C-alpha atoms as a PDB file:
ATOM      1  CA  UNK A   1     -24.850 -23.600 -15.968  1.00  0.00           C
ATOM      2  CA  UNK A   2     -23.904 -24.166 -19.597  1.00  0.00           C
ATOM      3  CA  UNK A   3     -24.934 -27.454 -21.207  1.00  0.00           C
ATOM      4  CA  UNK A   4     -24.547 -28.679 -24.766  1.00  0.00           C
ATOM      5  CA  UNK A   5     -27.489 -30.705 -26.088  1.00  0.00           C
ATOM      6  CA  UNK A   6     -27.774 -32.559 -29.360  1.00  0.00           C
ATOM      7  CA  UNK A   7     -30.442 -30.784 -31.449  1.00  0.00           C
ATOM      8  CA  UNK A   8     -32.132 -34.080 -32.361  1.00  0.00           C
ATOM      9  CA  UNK A   9     -32.914 -34.921 -28.709  1.00  0.00           C
ATOM     10  CA  UNK A  10     -35.979 -32.628 -28.648  1.00  0.00           C
ATOM     11  CA  UNK A  11     -38.790 -32.468 -31.208  1.00  0.00           C
ATOM     12  CA  UNK A  12     -38.490 -29.443 -33.446  1.00  0.00           C
ATOM     13  CA  UNK A  13     -41.761 -27.900 -32.258  1.00  0.00           C
ATOM     14  CA  UNK A  14     -40.621 -27.873 -28.626  1.00  0.00           C
ATOM     15  CA  UNK A  15     -37.178 -26.337 -29.101  1.00  0.00           C
ATOM     16  CA  UNK A  16     -38.239 -22.629 -29.041  1.00  0.00           C
ATOM     17  CA  UNK A  17     -40.308 -23.258 -25.905  1.00  0.00           C
ATOM     18  CA  UNK A  18     -37.474 -25.059 -24.133  1.00  0.00           C
ATOM     19  CA  UNK A  19     -34.987 -22.363 -25.125  1.00  0.00           C
ATOM     20  CA  UNK A  20     -37.303 -19.624 -23.877  1.00  0.00           C
ATOM     21  CA  UNK A  21     -37.833 -21.385 -20.546  1.00  0.00           C
ATOM     22  CA  UNK A  22     -34.110 -22.055 -20.122  1.00  0.00           C
ATOM     23  CA  UNK A  23     -33.144 -18.451 -20.928  1.00  0.00           C
ATOM     24  CA  UNK A  24     -35.817 -17.068 -18.596  1.00  0.00           C
ATOM     25  CA  UNK A  25     -34.548 -19.212 -15.739  1.00  0.00           C
ATOM     26  CA  UNK A  26     -30.992 -18.194 -16.548  1.00  0.00           C
ATOM     27  CA  UNK A  27     -31.834 -14.478 -16.484  1.00  0.00           C
ATOM     28  CA  UNK A  28     -33.554 -14.861 -13.109  1.00  0.00           C
ATOM     29  CA  UNK A  29     -30.611 -16.724 -11.608  1.00  0.00           C
ATOM     30  CA  UNK A  30     -28.097 -14.197 -12.910  1.00  0.00           C
ATOM     31  CA  UNK A  31     -30.161 -11.310 -11.567  1.00  0.00           C
ATOM     32  CA  UNK A  32     -30.210 -12.911  -8.126  1.00  0.00           C
ATOM     33  CA  UNK A  33     -26.451 -13.475  -8.310  1.00  0.00           C
ATOM     34  CA  UNK A  34     -25.979  -9.831  -9.311  1.00  0.00           C
ATOM     35  CA  UNK A  35     -27.958  -8.561  -6.325  1.00  0.00           C
ATOM     36  CA  UNK A  36     -26.236 -10.900  -3.870  1.00  0.00           C
ATOM     37  CA  UNK A  37     -22.799 -10.015  -5.230  1.00  0.00           C
ATOM     38  CA  UNK A  38     -23.396  -6.296  -4.873  1.00  0.00           C
ATOM     39  CA  UNK A  39     -24.781  -6.833  -1.372  1.00  0.00           C
ATOM     40  CA  UNK A  40     -21.729  -8.819  -0.260  1.00  0.00           C
ATOM     41  CA  UNK A  41     -19.340  -6.331  -1.871  1.00  0.00           C
ATOM     42  CA  UNK A  42     -21.048  -3.382  -0.204  1.00  0.00           C
ATOM     43  CA  UNK A  43     -20.895  -5.126   3.173  1.00  0.00           C
ATOM     44  CA  UNK A  44     -17.219  -6.074   2.851  1.00  0.00           C
ATOM     45  CA  UNK A  45     -16.155  -2.629   1.635  1.00  0.00           C
ATOM     46  CA  UNK A  46     -18.142  -0.917   4.369  1.00  0.00           C
ATOM     47  CA  UNK A  47     -16.502  -3.113   7.020  1.00  0.00           C
ATOM     48  CA  UNK A  48     -13.003  -2.468   5.666  1.00  0.00           C
ATOM     49  CA  UNK A  49     -13.496   1.291   5.492  1.00  0.00           C
ATOM     50  CA  UNK A  50     -14.824   1.384   9.036  1.00  0.00           C
ATOM     51  CA  UNK A  51     -11.529   0.104  10.459  1.00  0.00           C
ATOM     52  CA  UNK A  52      -9.306   2.483   8.440  1.00  0.00           C
ATOM     53  CA  UNK A  53      -7.732   5.055  10.806  1.00  0.00           C
ATOM     54  CA  UNK A  54      -8.934   8.614  10.516  1.00  0.00           C
ATOM     55  CA  UNK A  55     -11.984  10.721  11.238  1.00  0.00           C
ATOM     56  CA  UNK A  56     -13.987  12.045   8.259  1.00  0.00           C
ATOM     57  CA  UNK A  57     -15.305  14.912  10.371  1.00  0.00           C
ATOM     58  CA  UNK A  58     -11.761  15.918  11.260  1.00  0.00           C
ATOM     59  CA  UNK A  59     -10.774  15.808   7.592  1.00  0.00           C
ATOM     60  CA  UNK A  60     -13.653  18.073   6.601  1.00  0.00           C
ATOM     61  CA  UNK A  61     -13.255  20.664   9.387  1.00  0.00           C
ATOM     62  CA  UNK A  62      -9.468  20.546   9.700  1.00  0.00           C
ATOM     63  CA  UNK A  63      -7.149  20.162  12.668  1.00  0.00           C
ATOM     64  CA  UNK A  64      -8.239  23.466  14.228  1.00  0.00           C
ATOM     65  CA  UNK A  65     -11.874  22.459  14.691  1.00  0.00           C
ATOM     66  CA  UNK A  66     -13.239  22.449  18.234  1.00  0.00           C
ATOM     67  CA  UNK A  67     -14.512  19.226  19.833  1.00  0.00           C
ATOM     68  CA  UNK A  68     -18.061  20.624  19.913  1.00  0.00           C
ATOM     69  CA  UNK A  69     -18.004  21.361  16.162  1.00  0.00           C
ATOM     70  CA  UNK A  70     -16.577  17.936  15.400  1.00  0.00           C
ATOM     71  CA  UNK A  71     -19.249  16.217  17.464  1.00  0.00           C
ATOM     72  CA  UNK A  72     -22.009  18.201  15.785  1.00  0.00           C
ATOM     73  CA  UNK A  73     -20.765  17.197  12.331  1.00  0.00           C
ATOM     74  CA  UNK A  74     -20.468  13.543  13.393  1.00  0.00           C
ATOM     75  CA  UNK A  75     -24.110  13.690  14.483  1.00  0.00           C
ATOM     76  CA  UNK A  76     -25.153  15.158  11.134  1.00  0.00           C
ATOM     77  CA  UNK A  77     -23.229  12.482   9.205  1.00  0.00           C
ATOM     78  CA  UNK A  78     -24.440   9.672  11.471  1.00  0.00           C
ATOM     79  CA  UNK A  79     -20.898   8.728  12.446  1.00  0.00           C
ATOM     80  CA  UNK A  80     -21.865   8.525  16.107  1.00  0.00           C
ATOM     81  CA  UNK A  81     -24.295   5.680  15.428  1.00  0.00           C
ATOM     82  CA  UNK A  82     -23.436   1.963  15.579  1.00  0.00           C
ATOM     83  CA  UNK A  83     -21.870   0.480  12.457  1.00  0.00           C
ATOM     84  CA  UNK A  84     -24.949  -1.648  11.755  1.00  0.00           C
ATOM     85  CA  UNK A  85     -27.224   1.398  11.759  1.00  0.00           C
ATOM     86  CA  UNK A  86     -24.808   3.270   9.499  1.00  0.00           C
ATOM     87  CA  UNK A  87     -24.729   0.357   7.047  1.00  0.00           C
ATOM     88  CA  UNK A  88     -28.518  -0.021   6.960  1.00  0.00           C
ATOM     89  CA  UNK A  89     -28.883   3.701   6.384  1.00  0.00           C
ATOM     90  CA  UNK A  90     -26.381   3.509   3.535  1.00  0.00           C
ATOM     91  CA  UNK A  91     -28.190   0.557   1.930  1.00  0.00           C
ATOM     92  CA  UNK A  92     -31.535   2.372   2.204  1.00  0.00           C
ATOM     93  CA  UNK A  93     -30.120   5.364   0.314  1.00  0.00           C
ATOM     94  CA  UNK A  94     -28.472   3.069  -2.195  1.00  0.00           C
ATOM     95  CA  UNK A  95     -31.786   1.330  -2.919  1.00  0.00           C
ATOM     96  CA  UNK A  96     -33.192   4.725  -3.872  1.00  0.00           C
ATOM     97  CA  UNK A  97     -30.250   5.397  -6.200  1.00  0.00           C
ATOM     98  CA  UNK A  98     -28.600   7.862  -3.834  1.00  0.00           C
ATOM     99  CA  UNK A  99     -24.856   7.303  -3.440  1.00  0.00           C
ATOM    100  CA  UNK A 100     -24.587  10.300  -1.144  1.00  0.00           C
ATOM    101  CA  UNK A 101     -22.375  13.371  -1.385  1.00  0.00           C
ATOM    102  CA  UNK A 102     -18.626  13.559  -1.626  1.00  0.00           C
ATOM    103  CA  UNK A 103     -16.891  14.847   1.478  1.00  0.00           C
ATOM    104  CA  UNK A 104     -14.057  16.387  -0.531  1.00  0.00           C
ATOM    105  CA  UNK A 105     -15.852  17.762  -3.589  1.00  0.00           C
ATOM    106  CA  UNK A 106     -19.203  18.483  -1.876  1.00  0.00           C
ATOM    107  CA  UNK A 107     -21.183  17.307  -4.902  1.00  0.00           C
ATOM    108  CA  UNK A 108     -23.383  14.328  -5.691  1.00  0.00           C
ATOM    109  CA  UNK A 109     -21.286  11.163  -5.982  1.00  0.00           C
ATOM    110  CA  UNK A 110     -23.414   9.943  -8.878  1.00  0.00           C
ATOM    111  CA  UNK A 111     -22.710  13.034 -10.965  1.00  0.00           C
ATOM    112  CA  UNK A 112     -19.047  12.938  -9.922  1.00  0.00           C
ATOM    113  CA  UNK A 113     -18.610   9.344 -11.073  1.00  0.00           C
ATOM    114  CA  UNK A 114     -20.507   9.928 -14.315  1.00  0.00           C
ATOM    115  CA  UNK A 115     -18.234  12.845 -15.180  1.00  0.00           C
ATOM    116  CA  UNK A 116     -15.165  10.628 -14.647  1.00  0.00           C
ATOM    117  CA  UNK A 117     -16.583   7.711 -16.645  1.00  0.00           C
ATOM    118  CA  UNK A 118     -16.207   9.718 -19.871  1.00  0.00           C
ATOM    119  CA  UNK A 119     -12.472   9.092 -19.474  1.00  0.00           C
ATOM    120  CA  UNK A 120     -12.344   5.593 -17.982  1.00  0.00           C
ATOM    121  CA  UNK A 121     -14.889   3.882 -20.242  1.00  0.00           C
ATOM    122  CA  UNK A 122     -13.311   5.039 -23.557  1.00  0.00           C
ATOM    123  CA  UNK A 123      -9.896   4.171 -22.101  1.00  0.00           C
ATOM    124  CA  UNK A 124     -11.025   0.617 -21.278  1.00  0.00           C
ATOM    125  CA  UNK A 125     -12.721   0.137 -24.661  1.00  0.00           C
ATOM    126  CA  UNK A 126      -9.704   1.440 -26.566  1.00  0.00           C
ATOM    127  CA  UNK A 127      -7.395  -0.788 -24.523  1.00  0.00           C
ATOM    128  CA  UNK A 128      -9.421  -3.885 -25.372  1.00  0.00           C
ATOM    129  CA  UNK A 129      -9.477  -2.905 -29.059  1.00  0.00           C
ATOM    130  CA  UNK A 130      -5.676  -2.675 -29.031  1.00  0.00           C
ATOM    131  CA  UNK A 131      -5.359  -5.972 -27.153  1.00  0.00           C
ATOM    132  CA  UNK A 132      -7.686  -7.876 -29.480  1.00  0.00           C
ATOM    133  CA  UNK A 133      -6.254  -6.328 -32.659  1.00  0.00           C
ATOM    134  CA  UNK A 134      -2.737  -7.356 -31.606  1.00  0.00           C
ATOM    135  CA  UNK A 135      -3.331 -10.722 -29.963  1.00  0.00           C
ATOM    136  CA  UNK A 136      -5.851 -12.519 -32.194  1.00  0.00           C
ATOM    137  CA  UNK A 137      -3.879 -12.252 -35.487  1.00  0.00           C
ATOM    138  CA  UNK A 138      -0.627 -13.072 -33.689  1.00  0.00           C
ATOM    139  CA  UNK A 139      -2.159 -16.031 -31.863  1.00  0.00           C
ATOM    140  CA  UNK A 140      -3.631 -17.453 -35.085  1.00  0.00           C
ATOM    141  CA  UNK A 141      -0.345 -16.974 -36.946  1.00  0.00           C
ATOM    142  CA  UNK A 142       1.591 -18.613 -34.121  1.00  0.00           C
ATOM    143  CA  UNK A 143      -0.712 -21.644 -34.080  1.00  0.00           C
ATOM    144  CA  UNK A 144      -0.390 -22.088 -37.856  1.00  0.00           C
ATOM    145  CA  UNK A 145       3.426 -21.877 -37.684  1.00  0.00           C
ATOM    146  CA  UNK A 146       4.031 -23.922 -34.578  1.00  0.00           C
ATOM    147  CA  UNK A 147       7.677 -24.446 -33.571  1.00  0.00           C
ATOM    148  CA  UNK A 148       8.933 -22.119 -36.299  1.00  0.00           C
ATOM    149  CA  UNK A 149      10.805 -18.844 -36.065  1.00  0.00           C
ATOM    150  CA  UNK A 150       7.611 -16.759 -36.183  1.00  0.00           C
ATOM    151  CA  UNK A 151       6.058 -18.821 -33.400  1.00  0.00           C
ATOM    152  CA  UNK A 152       9.133 -18.412 -31.201  1.00  0.00           C
ATOM    153  CA  UNK A 153       9.192 -14.669 -31.843  1.00  0.00           C
ATOM    154  CA  UNK A 154       5.544 -14.274 -30.845  1.00  0.00           C
ATOM    155  CA  UNK A 155       6.099 -16.310 -27.696  1.00  0.00           C
ATOM    156  CA  UNK A 156       9.005 -14.037 -26.763  1.00  0.00           C
ATOM    157  CA  UNK A 157       6.763 -11.015 -27.349  1.00  0.00           C
ATOM    158  CA  UNK A 158       4.049 -12.446 -25.102  1.00  0.00           C
ATOM    159  CA  UNK A 159       6.599 -13.260 -22.406  1.00  0.00           C
ATOM    160  CA  UNK A 160       7.855  -9.664 -22.463  1.00  0.00           C
ATOM    161  CA  UNK A 161       4.270  -8.415 -22.224  1.00  0.00           C
ATOM    162  CA  UNK A 162       3.653 -10.599 -19.181  1.00  0.00           C
ATOM    163  CA  UNK A 163       6.845  -9.403 -17.490  1.00  0.00           C
ATOM    164  CA  UNK A 164       6.406  -5.641 -17.998  1.00  0.00           C
ATOM    165  CA  UNK A 165       3.847  -3.890 -15.724  1.00  0.00           C
ATOM    166  CA  UNK A 166       1.394  -1.574 -17.429  1.00  0.00           C
ATOM    167  CA  UNK A 167       2.664   1.528 -15.626  1.00  0.00           C
ATOM    168  CA  UNK A 168       6.256   0.780 -16.679  1.00  0.00           C
ATOM    169  CA  UNK A 169       5.139   0.287 -20.269  1.00  0.00           C
ATOM    170  CA  UNK A 170       3.359   3.631 -19.989  1.00  0.00           C
ATOM    171  CA  UNK A 171       6.525   5.394 -18.832  1.00  0.00           C
ATOM    172  CA  UNK A 172       8.520   3.888 -21.714  1.00  0.00           C
ATOM    173  CA  UNK A 173       5.853   4.971 -24.208  1.00  0.00           C
ATOM    174  CA  UNK A 174       5.921   8.510 -22.798  1.00  0.00           C
ATOM    175  CA  UNK A 175       9.700   8.677 -23.240  1.00  0.00           C
ATOM    176  CA  UNK A 176       9.468   7.418 -26.830  1.00  0.00           C
ATOM    177  CA  UNK A 177       6.325   8.973 -28.319  1.00  0.00           C
ATOM    178  CA  UNK A 178       5.901  12.088 -26.150  1.00  0.00           C
ATOM    179  CA  UNK A 179       9.439  13.163 -25.189  1.00  0.00           C
ATOM    180  CA  UNK A 180      11.593  11.895 -28.059  1.00  0.00           C
ATOM    181  CA  UNK A 181       9.254  11.837 -31.071  1.00  0.00           C
ATOM    182  CA  UNK A 182       6.693  14.335 -29.692  1.00  0.00           C
ATOM    183  CA  UNK A 183       3.863  12.635 -31.562  1.00  0.00           C
ATOM    184  CA  UNK A 184       1.442  12.317 -28.654  1.00  0.00           C
ATOM    185  CA  UNK A 185       0.831  14.182 -25.377  1.00  0.00           C
ATOM    186  CA  UNK A 186       2.597  12.868 -22.278  1.00  0.00           C
ATOM    187  CA  UNK A 187      -0.446  13.274 -20.084  1.00  0.00           C
ATOM    188  CA  UNK A 188      -3.537  15.264 -19.276  1.00  0.00           C
ATOM    189  CA  UNK A 189      -6.931  15.129 -20.906  1.00  0.00           C
ATOM    190  CA  UNK A 190      -8.993  17.480 -23.044  1.00  0.00           C
ATOM    191  CA  UNK A 191     -12.733  16.901 -22.660  1.00  0.00           C
ATOM    192  CA  UNK A 192     -14.671  15.369 -25.519  1.00  0.00           C
ATOM    193  CA  UNK A 193     -16.889  18.449 -25.728  1.00  0.00           C
ATOM    194  CA  UNK A 194     -13.889  20.753 -26.192  1.00  0.00           C
ATOM    195  CA  UNK A 195     -11.936  18.762 -28.797  1.00  0.00           C
ATOM    196  CA  UNK A 196     -12.753  15.120 -29.494  1.00  0.00           C
ATOM    197  CA  UNK A 197      -9.573  14.597 -31.547  1.00  0.00           C
ATOM    198  CA  UNK A 198      -7.305  15.825 -28.750  1.00  0.00           C
ATOM    199  CA  UNK A 199      -9.284  13.764 -26.258  1.00  0.00           C
ATOM    200  CA  UNK A 200      -8.687  10.638 -28.346  1.00  0.00           C
ATOM    201  CA  UNK A 201      -4.976  11.459 -28.705  1.00  0.00           C
ATOM    202  CA  UNK A 202      -4.744  11.803 -24.928  1.00  0.00           C
ATOM    203  CA  UNK A 203      -5.996   8.245 -24.499  1.00  0.00           C
ATOM    204  CA  UNK A 204      -3.824   6.504 -27.101  1.00  0.00           C
ATOM    205  CA  UNK A 205      -0.682   6.013 -24.989  1.00  0.00           C
ATOM    206  CA  UNK A 206      -2.443   4.909 -21.775  1.00  0.00           C
ATOM    207  CA  UNK A 207      -4.782   2.641 -23.751  1.00  0.00           C
ATOM    208  CA  UNK A 208      -1.856   0.983 -25.529  1.00  0.00           C
ATOM    209  CA  UNK A 209      -0.060   0.577 -22.191  1.00  0.00           C
ATOM    210  CA  UNK A 210      -3.019  -1.345 -20.769  1.00  0.00           C
ATOM    211  CA  UNK A 211      -3.723  -3.184 -23.998  1.00  0.00           C
ATOM    212  CA  UNK A 212      -0.126  -4.330 -24.510  1.00  0.00           C
ATOM    213  CA  UNK A 213      -0.092  -6.315 -21.258  1.00  0.00           C
ATOM    214  CA  UNK A 214      -3.481  -7.894 -21.955  1.00  0.00           C
ATOM    215  CA  UNK A 215      -2.475  -8.688 -25.526  1.00  0.00           C
ATOM    216  CA  UNK A 216       0.278 -10.939 -24.178  1.00  0.00           C
ATOM    217  CA  UNK A 217      -2.241 -13.066 -22.274  1.00  0.00           C
ATOM    218  CA  UNK A 218      -4.742 -13.142 -25.148  1.00  0.00           C
ATOM    219  CA  UNK A 219      -2.025 -14.129 -27.629  1.00  0.00           C
ATOM    220  CA  UNK A 220      -1.134 -17.206 -25.602  1.00  0.00           C
ATOM    221  CA  UNK A 221      -4.799 -18.103 -25.108  1.00  0.00           C
ATOM    222  CA  UNK A 222      -5.555 -17.714 -28.833  1.00  0.00           C
ATOM    223  CA  UNK A 223      -2.572 -19.851 -29.776  1.00  0.00           C
ATOM    224  CA  UNK A 224      -3.426 -22.570 -27.272  1.00  0.00           C
ATOM    225  CA  UNK A 225      -7.115 -22.669 -28.222  1.00  0.00           C
ATOM    226  CA  UNK A 226      -6.363 -22.726 -31.957  1.00  0.00           C
ATOM    227  CA  UNK A 227      -3.802 -25.523 -31.581  1.00  0.00           C
ATOM    228  CA  UNK A 228      -6.366 -27.628 -29.745  1.00  0.00           C
ATOM    229  CA  UNK A 229      -9.034 -27.098 -32.405  1.00  0.00           C
ATOM    230  CA  UNK A 230      -6.671 -27.573 -35.374  1.00  0.00           C
ATOM    231  CA  UNK A 231      -5.981 -31.090 -34.156  1.00  0.00           C
ATOM    232  CA  UNK A 232      -9.655 -32.131 -34.266  1.00  0.00           C
ATOM    233  CA  UNK A 233     -10.995 -34.655 -36.778  1.00  0.00           C
ATOM    234  CA  UNK A 234     -13.480 -32.254 -38.394  1.00  0.00           C
ATOM    235  CA  UNK A 235     -10.621 -29.893 -39.315  1.00  0.00           C
ATOM    236  CA  UNK A 236      -8.818 -32.708 -41.087  1.00  0.00           C
ATOM    237  CA  UNK A 237     -12.095 -33.600 -42.799  1.00  0.00           C
ATOM    238  CA  UNK A 238     -12.569 -30.014 -43.970  1.00  0.00           C
ATOM    239  CA  UNK A 239      -9.061 -29.972 -45.378  1.00  0.00           C
ATOM    240  CA  UNK A 240      -9.578 -33.304 -47.130  1.00  0.00           C
ATOM    241  CA  UNK A 241     -12.651 -31.863 -48.880  1.00  0.00           C
ATOM    242  CA  UNK A 242     -10.416 -29.335 -50.579  1.00  0.00           C
ATOM    243  CA  UNK A 243     -11.638 -26.273 -48.711  1.00  0.00           C
ATOM    244  CA  UNK A 244      -9.319 -23.282 -48.826  1.00  0.00           C
ATOM    245  CA  UNK A 245      -6.996 -22.640 -45.922  1.00  0.00           C
ATOM    246  CA  UNK A 246      -8.769 -19.372 -45.135  1.00  0.00           C
ATOM    247  CA  UNK A 247     -12.171 -21.074 -44.784  1.00  0.00           C
ATOM    248  CA  UNK A 248     -10.754 -23.906 -42.679  1.00  0.00           C
ATOM    249  CA  UNK A 249      -8.921 -21.550 -40.333  1.00  0.00           C
ATOM    250  CA  UNK A 250     -11.469 -18.769 -39.871  1.00  0.00           C
ATOM    251  CA  UNK A 251     -14.833 -20.397 -40.519  1.00  0.00           C
ATOM    252  CA  UNK A 252     -14.241 -23.750 -38.854  1.00  0.00           C
ATOM    253  CA  UNK A 253     -11.234 -23.561 -36.524  1.00  0.00           C
ATOM    254  CA  UNK A 254     -11.392 -20.025 -35.148  1.00  0.00           C
ATOM    255  CA  UNK A 255     -15.160 -20.090 -34.684  1.00  0.00           C
ATOM    256  CA  UNK A 256     -14.838 -23.116 -32.388  1.00  0.00           C
ATOM    257  CA  UNK A 257     -11.726 -21.784 -30.649  1.00  0.00           C
ATOM    258  CA  UNK A 258     -13.239 -18.416 -29.783  1.00  0.00           C
ATOM    259  CA  UNK A 259     -15.207 -19.507 -26.680  1.00  0.00           C
ATOM    260  CA  UNK A 260     -12.222 -19.601 -24.257  1.00  0.00           C
ATOM    261  CA  UNK A 261     -10.851 -16.454 -25.900  1.00  0.00           C
ATOM    262  CA  UNK A 262     -14.111 -14.602 -25.221  1.00  0.00           C
ATOM    263  CA  UNK A 263     -13.969 -15.802 -21.610  1.00  0.00           C
ATOM    264  CA  UNK A 264     -10.504 -14.296 -21.115  1.00  0.00           C
ATOM    265  CA  UNK A 265     -11.597 -11.072 -22.832  1.00  0.00           C
ATOM    266  CA  UNK A 266     -14.475 -10.770 -20.368  1.00  0.00           C
ATOM    267  CA  UNK A 267     -12.175 -11.272 -17.387  1.00  0.00           C
ATOM    268  CA  UNK A 268      -9.683  -8.752 -18.721  1.00  0.00           C
ATOM    269  CA  UNK A 269     -12.406  -6.178 -19.432  1.00  0.00           C
ATOM    270  CA  UNK A 270     -13.304  -6.226 -15.752  1.00  0.00           C
ATOM    271  CA  UNK A 271      -9.635  -6.122 -14.775  1.00  0.00           C
ATOM    272  CA  UNK A 272      -9.145  -3.006 -16.899  1.00  0.00           C
ATOM    273  CA  UNK A 273     -11.330  -1.015 -14.524  1.00  0.00           C
ATOM    274  CA  UNK A 274      -8.990  -1.853 -11.648  1.00  0.00           C
ATOM    275  CA  UNK A 275      -5.845  -1.404 -13.746  1.00  0.00           C
ATOM    276  CA  UNK A 276      -6.971   2.086 -14.699  1.00  0.00           C
ATOM    277  CA  UNK A 277      -6.260   3.292 -11.151  1.00  0.00           C
ATOM    278  CA  UNK A 278      -2.491   3.201 -11.705  1.00  0.00           C
ATOM    279  CA  UNK A 279      -2.343   4.106 -15.381  1.00  0.00           C
ATOM    280  CA  UNK A 280      -4.637   7.121 -14.940  1.00  0.00           C
ATOM    281  CA  UNK A 281      -2.265   8.473 -12.303  1.00  0.00           C
ATOM    282  CA  UNK A 282       0.744   7.908 -14.568  1.00  0.00           C
ATOM    283  CA  UNK A 283      -0.878   9.900 -17.381  1.00  0.00           C
ATOM    284  CA  UNK A 284      -2.779  12.346 -15.122  1.00  0.00           C
ATOM    285  CA  UNK A 285      -6.159  11.352 -16.523  1.00  0.00           C
ATOM    286  CA  UNK A 286      -9.237  12.538 -14.592  1.00  0.00           C
ATOM    287  CA  UNK A 287     -10.960   9.151 -14.644  1.00  0.00           C
ATOM    288  CA  UNK A 288     -12.608   6.897 -12.099  1.00  0.00           C
ATOM    289  CA  UNK A 289      -9.276   5.271 -11.231  1.00  0.00           C
ATOM    290  CA  UNK A 290      -7.709   8.558 -10.236  1.00  0.00           C
ATOM    291  CA  UNK A 291     -10.887   9.546  -8.431  1.00  0.00           C
ATOM    292  CA  UNK A 292     -10.769   6.515  -6.154  1.00  0.00           C
ATOM    293  CA  UNK A 293      -7.022   7.024  -5.602  1.00  0.00           C
ATOM    294  CA  UNK A 294      -7.646  10.597  -4.446  1.00  0.00           C
ATOM    295  CA  UNK A 295     -10.623   9.507  -2.339  1.00  0.00           C
ATOM    296  CA  UNK A 296      -8.476   6.948  -0.497  1.00  0.00           C
ATOM    297  CA  UNK A 297      -5.860   9.589   0.286  1.00  0.00           C
ATOM    298  CA  UNK A 298      -8.501  12.022   1.537  1.00  0.00           C
ATOM    299  CA  UNK A 299     -10.550   9.277   3.224  1.00  0.00           C
ATOM    300  CA  UNK A 300     -13.644  10.230   1.290  1.00  0.00           C
ATOM    301  CA  UNK A 301     -15.565   7.117   2.322  1.00  0.00           C
ATOM    302  CA  UNK A 302     -18.789   7.728   0.336  1.00  0.00           C
ATOM    303  CA  UNK A 303     -16.820   8.123  -2.912  1.00  0.00           C
ATOM    304  CA  UNK A 304     -14.798   4.958  -2.251  1.00  0.00           C
ATOM    305  CA  UNK A 305     -17.960   2.976  -1.582  1.00  0.00           C
ATOM    306  CA  UNK A 306     -19.664   4.329  -4.702  1.00  0.00           C
ATOM    307  CA  UNK A 307     -16.730   3.625  -7.026  1.00  0.00           C
ATOM    308  CA  UNK A 308     -16.129   0.110  -5.704  1.00  0.00           C
ATOM    309  CA  UNK A 309     -19.807  -0.777  -6.072  1.00  0.00           C
ATOM    310  CA  UNK A 310     -19.787   0.626  -9.603  1.00  0.00           C
ATOM    311  CA  UNK A 311     -16.734  -1.460 -10.570  1.00  0.00           C
ATOM    312  CA  UNK A 312     -18.272  -4.589  -9.032  1.00  0.00           C
ATOM    313  CA  UNK A 313     -21.541  -4.009 -10.893  1.00  0.00           C
ATOM    314  CA  UNK A 314     -19.765  -3.450 -14.206  1.00  0.00           C
ATOM    315  CA  UNK A 315     -17.702  -6.635 -13.789  1.00  0.00           C
ATOM    316  CA  UNK A 316     -20.825  -8.690 -13.079  1.00  0.00           C
ATOM    317  CA  UNK A 317     -22.641  -7.166 -16.070  1.00  0.00           C
ATOM    318  CA  UNK A 318     -19.652  -7.819 -18.352  1.00  0.00           C
ATOM    319  CA  UNK A 319     -19.544 -11.468 -17.293  1.00  0.00           C
ATOM    320  CA  UNK A 320     -23.291 -11.709 -17.891  1.00  0.00           C
ATOM    321  CA  UNK A 321     -22.923 -10.322 -21.421  1.00  0.00           C
ATOM    322  CA  UNK A 322     -20.088 -12.741 -22.122  1.00  0.00           C
ATOM    323  CA  UNK A 323     -22.329 -15.649 -21.125  1.00  0.00           C
ATOM    324  CA  UNK A 324     -24.995 -14.387 -23.520  1.00  0.00           C
ATOM    325  CA  UNK A 325     -22.417 -14.225 -26.311  1.00  0.00           C
ATOM    326  CA  UNK A 326     -21.739 -17.944 -25.876  1.00  0.00           C
ATOM    327  CA  UNK A 327     -25.244 -18.759 -27.141  1.00  0.00           C
ATOM    328  CA  UNK A 328     -24.727 -16.863 -30.385  1.00  0.00           C
ATOM    329  CA  UNK A 329     -21.173 -18.056 -30.954  1.00  0.00           C
ATOM    330  CA  UNK A 330     -22.073 -21.728 -30.449  1.00  0.00           C
ATOM    331  CA  UNK A 331     -25.739 -22.686 -31.193  1.00  0.00           C
ATOM    332  CA  UNK A 332     -25.274 -25.986 -29.364  1.00  0.00           C
ATOM    333  CA  UNK A 333     -25.086 -24.189 -26.010  1.00  0.00           C
ATOM    334  CA  UNK A 334     -28.236 -24.023 -23.895  1.00  0.00           C
ATOM    335  CA  UNK A 335     -28.722 -22.368 -20.501  1.00  0.00           C
ATOM    336  CA  UNK A 336     -30.312 -24.237 -17.618  1.00  0.00           C
END
C-alpha cells in the first residue's frame, strides 16, 4: 500500500530506519503476491488446456498411428494419469526451472522461448519508446492550449488512435511505407547476429503500429493529469514568483503529474506482450506472440503453458518496477 507521510512527523534520525523497514516489508509482500499470482495462473491455464478438444499423442504420431502406439506415448507423457497428478508433476518440474519439451519442435521450451524473446522484447521496448515520444509532448501541449485549435486537433488524433486496431494500423503502414514508398520491409525478420540494422528496420513498422494505439491513450492521460496539476495553488505561486514557463511546466507541473502517467505506461507495457500475438503474425515476426499462436493451432500444451507463465511473470515484474519508480519520482511516498 502506498502512503504519503509528512517528513516532519518522524525524527530525522529514525527516517532511514523506518524507510528500510517499510521497503523490506513491501518487497516481502510483493514476492508473495508474485508467487501466488503465478501459481493461480498456472492452475487456471492448466485447467483450460485440459478441456480443449484434441489428443497431443495423436498430434505427434499422426492419424495413422495404431491404438497401441498411442497408448504407449500417452503413458510416457503421463496423459493417462489424473489431472491432479499431471498438474503436480508439472509444478514439480517448473520449480526446478524445467518448462519441459515442445511437442512440435522437440526442443527445450526454455531455449525456444529465449530465442523468440530477441524479437518480442525489442519490439515491446521500441513500441513504448514510440508511444511515449509521441504522447507526452502532445499531451503537455494540449493541456497548455486547452480548448484551442491545437488541443482539438490532438484530441481528434487520440480518438483516431483509439478507434483503429493495431493490426489495421499495421496493414495501412505496410501499404504506405513498404508497398508504395518502399522505405521499410513489409515483414520478416533478420536476426540481430546477422545484421542488426536490418533487424531494427524490420521492427520499425510493427513497433509503430503498437505504439500508435498506446500513444492515443497516453496522450489523453497526460493531458488530463497535466490539467489537474496546472490548476493547483503551488503552480500559481510558482508563476507569481516570476519563474519561467519552462520551469513551471516541466519542473513543477509535469513532475507531479507523472505518477498516473507512469501507472498507465506500466499497464500498457504488460499489454504489449499480449498485443504482440496479432501484430507478429501480421508482419511475420518469429517472436513469442507468433510462437504461442502456432502452439495453440498445433495444441502444443507445454509451449502454451510456458509462454503464458512467462507473460504473467513479466507483467507482475513490470508492475513491481513501476511501484518502485513511485518512490523516486515522489519522495513523499512511503511503502507499508
